[in-house]
Protein backbone atom coordinates (compact mmCIF):
# COMPACT_ATOMS: atom_id res chain seq x y z
CA MET A 1 110.62 113.69 43.89
CA ASP A 2 110.41 111.93 47.45
CA GLY A 3 107.43 109.77 48.38
CA PHE A 4 104.76 107.17 47.61
CA ILE A 5 102.82 106.25 44.64
CA LEU A 6 99.96 103.75 45.31
CA VAL A 7 99.27 101.75 42.11
CA ASP A 8 96.25 99.27 41.01
CA LYS A 9 98.50 96.80 39.52
CA PRO A 10 96.58 94.99 36.46
CA ASP A 11 96.03 91.39 35.76
CA GLY A 12 99.26 89.77 33.74
CA TRP A 13 101.69 92.51 34.83
CA THR A 14 104.86 91.92 37.06
CA SER A 15 105.47 93.83 39.89
CA HIS A 16 109.11 94.63 37.70
CA ASP A 17 106.88 95.82 35.07
CA VAL A 18 105.05 98.01 36.98
CA VAL A 19 108.13 99.35 38.46
CA ALA A 20 110.00 99.72 35.04
CA LYS A 21 106.87 101.48 33.66
CA ALA A 22 106.83 104.13 36.48
CA ARG A 23 110.39 104.86 35.71
CA ASN A 24 109.81 105.48 32.37
CA LEU A 25 107.03 107.79 32.95
CA ILE A 26 108.23 109.86 35.63
CA GLY A 27 111.64 109.88 34.74
CA ILE A 28 113.04 109.11 37.52
CA ARG A 29 115.42 105.97 37.87
CA LYS A 30 115.30 105.47 41.64
CA VAL A 31 111.45 103.47 42.13
CA GLY A 32 111.21 100.57 44.18
CA HIS A 33 107.99 98.23 45.54
CA ALA A 34 106.87 97.13 48.62
CA GLY A 35 106.03 93.34 48.24
CA THR A 36 105.54 91.52 45.03
CA LEU A 37 102.26 90.60 43.44
CA ASP A 38 102.21 87.78 40.90
CA PRO A 39 101.31 88.52 37.60
CA MET A 40 97.89 87.07 38.00
CA ALA A 41 97.20 89.18 41.12
CA THR A 42 95.58 92.77 40.90
CA GLY A 43 95.62 95.54 43.21
CA LEU A 44 97.89 97.58 45.70
CA LEU A 45 101.30 97.82 44.87
CA VAL A 46 102.95 100.72 47.16
CA LEU A 47 105.72 102.34 44.96
CA GLY A 48 108.76 104.32 46.72
CA ILE A 49 110.20 107.03 44.74
CA GLY A 50 113.47 108.79 44.90
CA ARG A 51 114.91 108.30 48.51
CA ALA A 52 111.39 107.06 50.11
CA THR A 53 112.57 103.81 48.36
CA ARG A 54 115.04 103.41 51.56
CA LEU A 55 111.38 103.65 53.73
CA LEU A 56 109.81 101.08 51.50
CA ARG A 57 110.60 97.80 54.33
CA PHE A 58 108.42 99.59 56.98
CA VAL A 59 105.34 99.71 54.85
CA GLN A 60 106.21 96.16 53.65
CA ASP A 61 106.03 95.07 57.35
CA ALA A 62 102.60 96.15 57.65
CA PRO A 63 99.63 93.44 57.47
CA LYS A 64 98.26 92.90 54.14
CA GLU A 65 94.63 92.51 53.47
CA TYR A 66 93.89 90.35 49.94
CA VAL A 67 90.38 88.87 48.67
CA ALA A 68 91.23 85.44 47.07
CA THR A 69 89.35 83.33 45.20
CA ALA A 70 90.24 79.51 45.37
CA GLN A 71 89.00 76.42 43.38
CA PHE A 72 89.03 73.35 44.98
CA GLY A 73 89.55 69.71 43.30
CA VAL A 74 91.87 71.05 40.74
CA ALA A 75 95.81 71.26 41.76
CA THR A 76 98.40 73.03 39.79
CA ASP A 77 102.20 73.34 39.82
CA THR A 78 102.39 76.60 40.40
CA LEU A 79 99.15 76.81 42.89
CA ASP A 80 97.36 79.69 40.71
CA ALA A 81 95.79 79.84 37.94
CA ASP A 82 98.64 80.62 35.39
CA GLY A 83 100.14 77.04 36.40
CA ALA A 84 99.98 73.59 34.88
CA VAL A 85 97.27 71.43 36.22
CA LEU A 86 98.43 68.67 37.47
CA ALA A 87 95.52 66.87 39.16
CA ARG A 88 91.15 67.36 38.95
CA ASP A 89 89.56 65.38 41.40
CA PRO A 90 86.08 66.28 42.55
CA MET A 91 85.49 67.82 45.95
CA PRO A 92 81.88 68.10 46.99
CA VAL A 93 82.88 69.75 50.49
CA GLY A 94 80.22 72.02 52.20
CA LEU A 95 80.24 75.53 53.48
CA ASP A 96 80.22 74.06 57.00
CA ASP A 97 83.02 72.05 56.17
CA VAL A 98 85.27 75.06 55.04
CA ALA A 99 83.80 77.01 57.73
CA ALA A 100 85.17 74.56 60.25
CA ALA A 101 88.68 74.14 58.28
CA LEU A 102 89.66 77.96 58.22
CA GLU A 103 89.44 77.91 62.36
CA ARG A 104 92.75 76.06 62.39
CA PHE A 105 94.33 78.31 59.93
CA ARG A 106 93.69 81.46 61.89
CA GLY A 107 96.53 83.15 64.10
CA PRO A 108 99.81 82.58 64.36
CA GLN A 109 101.46 79.59 62.55
CA MET A 110 104.16 77.94 60.40
CA GLN A 111 104.16 77.74 56.71
CA VAL A 112 106.15 76.05 53.84
CA PRO A 113 106.59 78.60 50.76
CA PRO A 114 105.70 77.52 47.51
CA MET A 115 108.34 76.05 45.18
CA VAL A 116 107.35 79.09 42.62
CA SER A 117 108.34 81.78 44.90
CA ALA A 118 111.01 84.29 44.88
CA LEU A 119 112.83 82.53 47.94
CA LYS A 120 116.27 81.66 47.95
CA VAL A 121 117.61 77.92 48.91
CA GLU A 122 121.42 77.64 48.72
CA GLY A 123 121.80 81.15 46.74
CA ARG A 124 119.22 79.79 44.01
CA ARG A 125 115.48 81.50 43.43
CA LEU A 126 112.84 78.81 44.02
CA TYR A 127 111.39 79.72 40.98
CA ASP A 128 114.76 79.11 39.16
CA LEU A 129 114.74 75.36 40.87
CA ALA A 130 111.05 74.73 39.98
CA ARG A 131 111.68 76.00 35.76
CA SER A 132 114.18 73.40 36.07
CA GLY A 133 111.96 70.62 37.11
CA GLU A 134 113.41 70.62 40.62
CA GLU A 135 111.94 70.20 44.08
CA VAL A 136 113.89 70.91 47.08
CA ALA A 137 112.89 71.02 50.76
CA ARG A 138 111.85 74.78 51.96
CA PRO A 139 111.87 75.28 55.91
CA ALA A 140 108.42 76.39 57.04
CA ARG A 141 108.71 80.04 58.51
CA PRO A 142 106.33 81.59 60.70
CA ILE A 143 102.96 83.89 59.80
CA THR A 144 100.05 85.17 61.45
CA ILE A 145 96.81 85.11 59.78
CA TYR A 146 94.90 87.93 61.64
CA GLU A 147 91.50 87.54 59.63
CA LEU A 148 90.20 84.88 57.74
CA GLU A 149 86.95 85.11 56.33
CA VAL A 150 84.29 83.47 53.55
CA GLU A 151 83.18 86.27 51.04
CA ASP A 152 81.35 83.94 48.89
CA PHE A 153 81.10 80.06 48.39
CA ALA A 154 79.69 78.30 45.37
CA PRO A 155 79.30 74.67 46.12
CA SER A 156 79.63 72.35 43.28
CA ASP A 157 82.00 69.12 42.48
CA TYR A 158 84.68 71.95 42.09
CA PRO A 159 83.97 74.46 44.53
CA GLU A 160 84.58 78.19 44.59
CA LEU A 161 85.93 79.77 47.98
CA VAL A 162 86.17 83.76 47.96
CA ILE A 163 88.10 84.66 51.15
CA ARG A 164 88.90 87.90 52.98
CA VAL A 165 92.86 87.56 54.58
CA THR A 166 94.65 89.59 56.46
CA CYS A 167 97.84 88.34 57.21
CA SER A 168 101.55 89.14 58.37
CA ARG A 169 104.58 89.80 56.09
CA GLY A 170 106.08 86.76 53.97
CA THR A 171 102.36 84.86 53.88
CA TYR A 172 101.69 82.87 50.75
CA VAL A 173 97.64 83.33 50.04
CA ARG A 174 98.15 80.80 47.62
CA THR A 175 99.69 77.92 49.64
CA LEU A 176 97.00 79.15 52.53
CA ALA A 177 94.13 78.26 50.06
CA ASP A 178 95.80 74.89 49.14
CA ASP A 179 96.28 73.96 52.73
CA ILE A 180 92.73 74.82 53.26
CA ALA A 181 91.98 72.17 50.70
CA ARG A 182 94.50 69.69 51.79
CA ALA A 183 92.84 69.85 55.29
CA LEU A 184 89.45 69.06 53.91
CA GLY A 185 91.08 65.98 52.07
CA GLY A 186 91.78 67.85 48.36
CA ARG A 187 93.73 70.28 46.61
CA ALA A 188 93.13 73.91 45.47
CA HIS A 189 94.75 76.41 43.33
CA LEU A 190 93.84 80.32 43.20
CA SER A 191 91.92 81.50 40.45
CA ALA A 192 92.07 85.25 41.57
CA LEU A 193 93.90 87.49 44.23
CA ARG A 194 93.38 91.26 44.90
CA ARG A 195 95.44 93.12 47.21
CA VAL A 196 93.45 95.44 48.89
CA ARG A 197 94.92 97.12 51.85
CA ASN A 198 98.49 97.31 52.86
CA GLY A 199 98.82 98.42 56.23
CA SER A 200 96.29 101.90 56.27
CA LEU A 201 97.49 102.29 52.78
CA ARG A 202 94.22 101.18 50.72
CA VAL A 203 93.48 100.27 46.85
CA SER A 204 90.62 102.44 46.96
CA ASP A 205 93.25 105.21 47.32
CA ALA A 206 95.59 103.95 44.39
CA ILE A 207 95.71 104.85 40.76
CA THR A 208 95.82 102.87 37.64
CA ILE A 209 98.59 102.46 35.14
CA ASP A 210 96.84 104.67 32.83
CA GLU A 211 95.90 107.52 35.34
CA LEU A 212 99.84 107.68 36.19
CA ALA A 213 100.21 107.75 32.14
CA ALA A 214 97.99 110.68 31.95
CA ALA A 215 99.22 112.60 34.81
CA ALA A 216 103.12 112.21 33.62
CA THR A 217 101.65 113.52 30.26
CA GLY A 218 100.03 116.58 32.10
CA GLY A 219 102.53 117.26 34.19
CA ARG A 220 101.02 116.22 37.23
CA VAL A 221 102.83 113.36 38.74
CA GLU A 222 103.26 115.25 41.91
CA SER A 223 99.82 115.35 42.33
CA ARG A 224 99.80 111.52 42.90
CA VAL A 225 102.66 111.29 45.41
CA LEU A 226 101.90 110.70 49.36
CA ALA A 227 104.77 112.54 51.10
CA PRO A 228 107.18 110.32 52.87
CA VAL A 229 105.13 111.25 56.20
CA ASP A 230 102.09 110.10 54.67
CA GLY A 231 103.01 107.10 53.11
CA LEU A 232 104.37 105.81 57.11
CA VAL A 233 101.04 106.30 58.60
CA ASP A 234 101.28 103.01 60.41
CA LEU A 235 104.33 104.22 62.47
CA PRO A 236 103.95 106.67 65.30
CA ALA A 237 104.75 110.29 64.50
CA VAL A 238 106.87 112.15 67.04
CA ALA A 239 106.79 116.13 66.57
CA ILE A 240 110.25 116.52 67.67
CA PRO A 241 111.31 120.35 69.44
CA PRO A 242 113.27 122.87 66.87
CA ASP A 243 116.41 122.04 69.10
CA LEU A 244 116.71 118.65 68.03
CA VAL A 245 116.26 119.21 64.35
CA ARG A 246 119.88 119.40 63.16
CA ALA A 247 120.79 116.32 65.69
CA VAL A 248 118.30 114.06 64.04
CA SER A 249 119.00 115.44 60.53
CA ASN A 250 122.47 114.56 60.93
CA GLY A 251 121.31 111.04 62.23
CA LEU A 252 122.84 111.22 65.69
CA PRO A 253 121.30 109.27 68.45
CA VAL A 254 119.51 111.25 70.97
CA PRO A 255 118.33 110.06 74.43
CA SER A 256 114.44 108.60 74.45
CA SER A 257 113.39 110.87 77.01
CA ALA A 258 114.39 114.09 74.77
CA LEU A 259 111.44 112.73 72.45
CA GLY A 260 109.04 112.96 75.21
CA SER A 261 108.10 110.76 77.91
CA THR A 262 104.73 109.12 76.06
CA THR A 263 107.10 108.02 72.68
CA PRO A 264 106.56 104.44 72.08
CA ARG A 265 109.32 102.18 71.76
CA GLY A 266 110.03 100.79 68.24
CA PRO A 267 110.46 102.86 64.83
CA VAL A 268 108.57 106.01 64.74
CA ARG A 269 108.51 108.90 62.59
CA LEU A 270 110.37 111.89 63.29
CA VAL A 271 108.60 115.21 62.13
CA ALA A 272 109.86 118.33 62.05
CA PRO A 273 108.00 121.28 63.07
CA SER A 274 107.35 121.95 59.39
CA GLY A 275 105.33 118.79 59.01
CA ARG A 276 108.28 117.06 56.89
CA LEU A 277 109.25 113.57 57.69
CA LEU A 278 113.17 114.33 58.76
CA ALA A 279 114.01 110.25 60.03
CA VAL A 280 112.54 106.67 61.06
CA TYR A 281 114.34 106.05 64.51
CA ALA A 282 114.09 102.83 66.47
CA VAL A 283 113.14 103.94 70.32
CA THR A 284 114.46 101.88 72.90
CA ASP A 285 114.11 102.50 76.84
CA GLN A 286 117.58 104.73 77.01
CA ARG A 287 118.11 105.83 73.61
CA ALA A 288 116.72 106.90 69.99
CA ALA A 289 119.23 105.67 67.17
CA PRO A 290 118.61 106.23 63.37
CA GLU A 291 117.12 103.51 61.21
CA VAL A 292 116.74 105.87 57.86
CA VAL A 293 117.54 109.43 58.09
CA LEU A 294 116.33 111.57 54.73
CA SER A 295 117.42 114.84 55.30
């Protein structure tokens, strides 16, 4: 069984919890995910099954869309509702103030990752350092906020802001929320976060853990598995001629011209005449070389 399962992660579960549960339910050890969600976060978690685990990096590279609720005026040590409150200071800003602040956070920018994250500094996870009470300097990393819009705003001394964010890989939405609050003279934390899209894959097409369990009990798991070719829908697809199937199946580089003059540069899906995904190749002006070969 090779492919992807779209899971709607529940509140309180870690991404690893979902992976472990899926392994147990479907009886396959080789299961991974495309991008961690914090325990308090819900929404789309893309699981790779079998050989498709090797393709997860292409899913992870796609932009992601979130709906996030931030409470202004309350800072926590994790920048989300699971953390301990560090400060509580009224922040009675208005919607016009918020809208003006959002302008500066659209587009390419640098972001400092939070201490409570899985990134490593000198070989140690930041969240391990944070648990031991240490705080270290973290280099800012380039990110891009493609879309950032207000969904709802509840004014008060501690306003709640709901935003819809489409962002690049590596973006921390809880850091974004706190940075927006800092731009307005205060602090904030996330009280809710939901991932609604990963590239073209949407949470509306995902299944719950209970639905996955029911499918496993009924022997219907395969009906909930996206074929590898469909899970990588954001990569351009190139239907290769029959005479190239053997070379691609063996992971041999081929001239770019053999794939056709309209083939885009970068990673592409190479699809057999049967419609099956054979490999992902990186295409340059001169040649196409294998990134991942499935066959």
